[in-house]
């Protein structure tokens, strides 16, 4: 299981939109992009919880 102290969602309330993509941010410094906010958030969650299966 991922240590949540290393991986937290630190995306500002107003989600960044850079170069035509929405950006979600992890406290470890990684950025995740998507065509819409939900897609970017989904990628971040996959990073934070890699062993979770849907």
N, C-alpha and C. Protein backbone atom coordinates (compact mmCIF):
# COMPACT_ATOMS: atom_id res chain seq x y z
N UNK A 1 0.85 -1.19 0.00
CA UNK A 1 0.00 0.00 0.00
C UNK A 1 0.88 1.24 0.00
N UNK A 2 0.46 2.25 -0.69
CA UNK A 2 1.19 3.50 -0.79
C UNK A 2 1.10 4.27 0.52
N UNK A 3 2.22 4.86 0.95
CA UNK A 3 2.24 5.70 2.15
C UNK A 3 1.61 7.04 1.79
N UNK A 4 0.44 7.32 2.35
CA UNK A 4 -0.28 8.53 1.98
C UNK A 4 0.43 9.80 2.41
N UNK A 5 1.38 9.70 3.34
CA UNK A 5 2.12 10.90 3.72
C UNK A 5 3.01 11.36 2.57
N UNK A 6 3.35 10.46 1.67
CA UNK A 6 4.17 10.80 0.52
C UNK A 6 3.33 11.21 -0.68
N UNK A 7 2.09 10.79 -0.70
CA UNK A 7 1.24 11.04 -1.87
C UNK A 7 -0.11 11.58 -1.43
N UNK A 8 -0.30 12.88 -1.64
CA UNK A 8 -1.56 13.54 -1.35
C UNK A 8 -1.93 14.42 -2.53
N UNK A 9 -3.21 14.60 -2.71
CA UNK A 9 -3.71 15.50 -3.76
C UNK A 9 -3.49 16.93 -3.28
N UNK A 10 -2.63 17.66 -3.97
CA UNK A 10 -2.36 19.06 -3.62
C UNK A 10 -2.79 19.99 -4.76
N UNK A 11 -3.75 19.53 -5.55
CA UNK A 11 -4.28 20.34 -6.65
C UNK A 11 -5.06 21.50 -6.06
N UNK A 12 -4.79 22.72 -6.53
CA UNK A 12 -5.57 23.87 -6.04
C UNK A 12 -7.06 23.70 -6.36
N UNK A 13 -7.92 24.37 -5.58
CA UNK A 13 -9.37 24.28 -5.79
C UNK A 13 -9.73 24.65 -7.23
N UNK A 14 -9.08 25.66 -7.78
CA UNK A 14 -9.28 26.00 -9.18
C UNK A 14 -8.21 25.24 -9.97
N UNK A 15 -8.61 24.09 -10.52
CA UNK A 15 -7.67 23.18 -11.17
C UNK A 15 -6.93 23.86 -12.31
N UNK A 16 -5.59 23.75 -12.30
CA UNK A 16 -4.81 24.37 -13.38
C UNK A 16 -5.19 23.80 -14.76
N UNK A 17 -5.14 24.66 -15.76
CA UNK A 17 -5.38 24.29 -17.15
C UNK A 17 -4.19 24.81 -17.94
N UNK A 18 -3.33 23.88 -18.38
CA UNK A 18 -2.07 24.27 -19.02
C UNK A 18 -1.96 23.57 -20.37
N UNK A 19 -1.68 24.34 -21.40
CA UNK A 19 -1.48 23.79 -22.76
C UNK A 19 -2.63 22.88 -23.18
N UNK A 20 -3.87 23.29 -22.88
CA UNK A 20 -5.03 22.54 -23.31
C UNK A 20 -5.35 21.32 -22.48
N UNK A 21 -4.70 21.15 -21.34
CA UNK A 21 -4.94 19.99 -20.47
C UNK A 21 -5.19 20.46 -19.05
N UNK A 22 -6.04 19.72 -18.33
CA UNK A 22 -6.24 19.95 -16.90
C UNK A 22 -5.13 19.21 -16.16
N UNK A 23 -4.69 19.77 -15.04
CA UNK A 23 -3.57 19.22 -14.30
C UNK A 23 -3.98 18.93 -12.87
N UNK A 24 -3.66 17.73 -12.40
CA UNK A 24 -3.80 17.35 -10.99
C UNK A 24 -2.39 17.15 -10.44
N UNK A 25 -2.18 17.56 -9.20
CA UNK A 25 -0.85 17.56 -8.61
C UNK A 25 -0.76 16.65 -7.39
N UNK A 26 0.33 15.89 -7.31
CA UNK A 26 0.62 15.05 -6.15
C UNK A 26 1.66 15.74 -5.29
N UNK A 27 1.60 15.50 -3.99
CA UNK A 27 2.57 16.11 -3.07
C UNK A 27 4.00 15.63 -3.34
N UNK A 28 4.18 14.52 -4.07
CA UNK A 28 5.52 14.04 -4.40
C UNK A 28 6.14 14.83 -5.55
N UNK A 29 5.33 15.70 -6.17
CA UNK A 29 5.84 16.54 -7.25
C UNK A 29 5.40 16.13 -8.64
N UNK A 30 4.76 14.97 -8.78
CA UNK A 30 4.31 14.54 -10.11
C UNK A 30 3.05 15.27 -10.51
N UNK A 31 2.92 15.50 -11.80
CA UNK A 31 1.74 16.14 -12.39
C UNK A 31 1.04 15.14 -13.30
N UNK A 32 -0.28 15.18 -13.27
CA UNK A 32 -1.09 14.28 -14.09
C UNK A 32 -2.04 15.12 -14.91
N UNK A 33 -2.11 14.85 -16.20
CA UNK A 33 -2.91 15.67 -17.09
C UNK A 33 -4.05 14.86 -17.71
N UNK A 34 -5.08 15.59 -18.09
CA UNK A 34 -6.22 14.95 -18.75
C UNK A 34 -7.00 15.96 -19.56
N UNK A 35 -7.83 15.45 -20.44
CA UNK A 35 -8.66 16.32 -21.28
C UNK A 35 -9.75 17.01 -20.48
N UNK A 36 -10.09 16.43 -19.32
CA UNK A 36 -11.06 17.06 -18.42
C UNK A 36 -10.57 16.84 -16.98
N UNK A 37 -11.12 17.56 -16.02
CA UNK A 37 -10.65 17.44 -14.63
C UNK A 37 -10.76 16.02 -14.08
N UNK A 38 -11.84 15.31 -14.43
CA UNK A 38 -12.02 13.95 -13.92
C UNK A 38 -10.93 13.00 -14.42
N UNK A 39 -10.52 13.18 -15.67
CA UNK A 39 -9.47 12.31 -16.22
C UNK A 39 -8.14 12.56 -15.51
N UNK A 40 -7.80 13.81 -15.28
CA UNK A 40 -6.56 14.13 -14.56
C UNK A 40 -6.62 13.59 -13.14
N UNK A 41 -7.76 13.74 -12.47
CA UNK A 41 -7.91 13.22 -11.11
C UNK A 41 -7.80 11.70 -11.08
N UNK A 42 -8.36 11.05 -12.08
CA UNK A 42 -8.31 9.59 -12.16
C UNK A 42 -6.87 9.10 -12.25
N UNK A 43 -6.07 9.79 -13.05
CA UNK A 43 -4.66 9.41 -13.18
C UNK A 43 -3.92 9.60 -11.86
N UNK A 44 -4.24 10.70 -11.16
CA UNK A 44 -3.63 10.95 -9.85
C UNK A 44 -4.02 9.85 -8.87
N UNK A 45 -5.29 9.47 -8.84
CA UNK A 45 -5.73 8.42 -7.92
C UNK A 45 -5.06 7.09 -8.24
N UNK A 46 -4.88 6.77 -9.52
CA UNK A 46 -4.17 5.55 -9.90
C UNK A 46 -2.73 5.58 -9.38
N UNK A 47 -2.12 6.75 -9.35
CA UNK A 47 -0.77 6.91 -8.82
C UNK A 47 -0.75 6.74 -7.31
N UNK A 48 -1.74 7.33 -6.64
CA UNK A 48 -1.79 7.29 -5.18
C UNK A 48 -2.17 5.90 -4.65
N UNK A 49 -3.02 5.19 -5.39
CA UNK A 49 -3.52 3.89 -4.96
C UNK A 49 -3.31 2.86 -6.08
N UNK A 50 -2.06 2.51 -6.37
CA UNK A 50 -1.78 1.64 -7.53
C UNK A 50 -2.33 0.24 -7.40
N UNK A 51 -2.59 -0.24 -6.19
CA UNK A 51 -3.07 -1.61 -6.01
C UNK A 51 -4.58 -1.72 -6.01
N UNK A 52 -5.28 -0.57 -6.05
CA UNK A 52 -6.74 -0.57 -6.08
C UNK A 52 -7.23 -1.06 -7.42
N UNK A 53 -8.21 -1.94 -7.40
CA UNK A 53 -8.83 -2.38 -8.64
C UNK A 53 -10.29 -1.95 -8.61
N UNK A 54 -10.78 -1.52 -9.73
CA UNK A 54 -12.18 -1.06 -9.81
C UNK A 54 -13.07 -2.15 -10.32
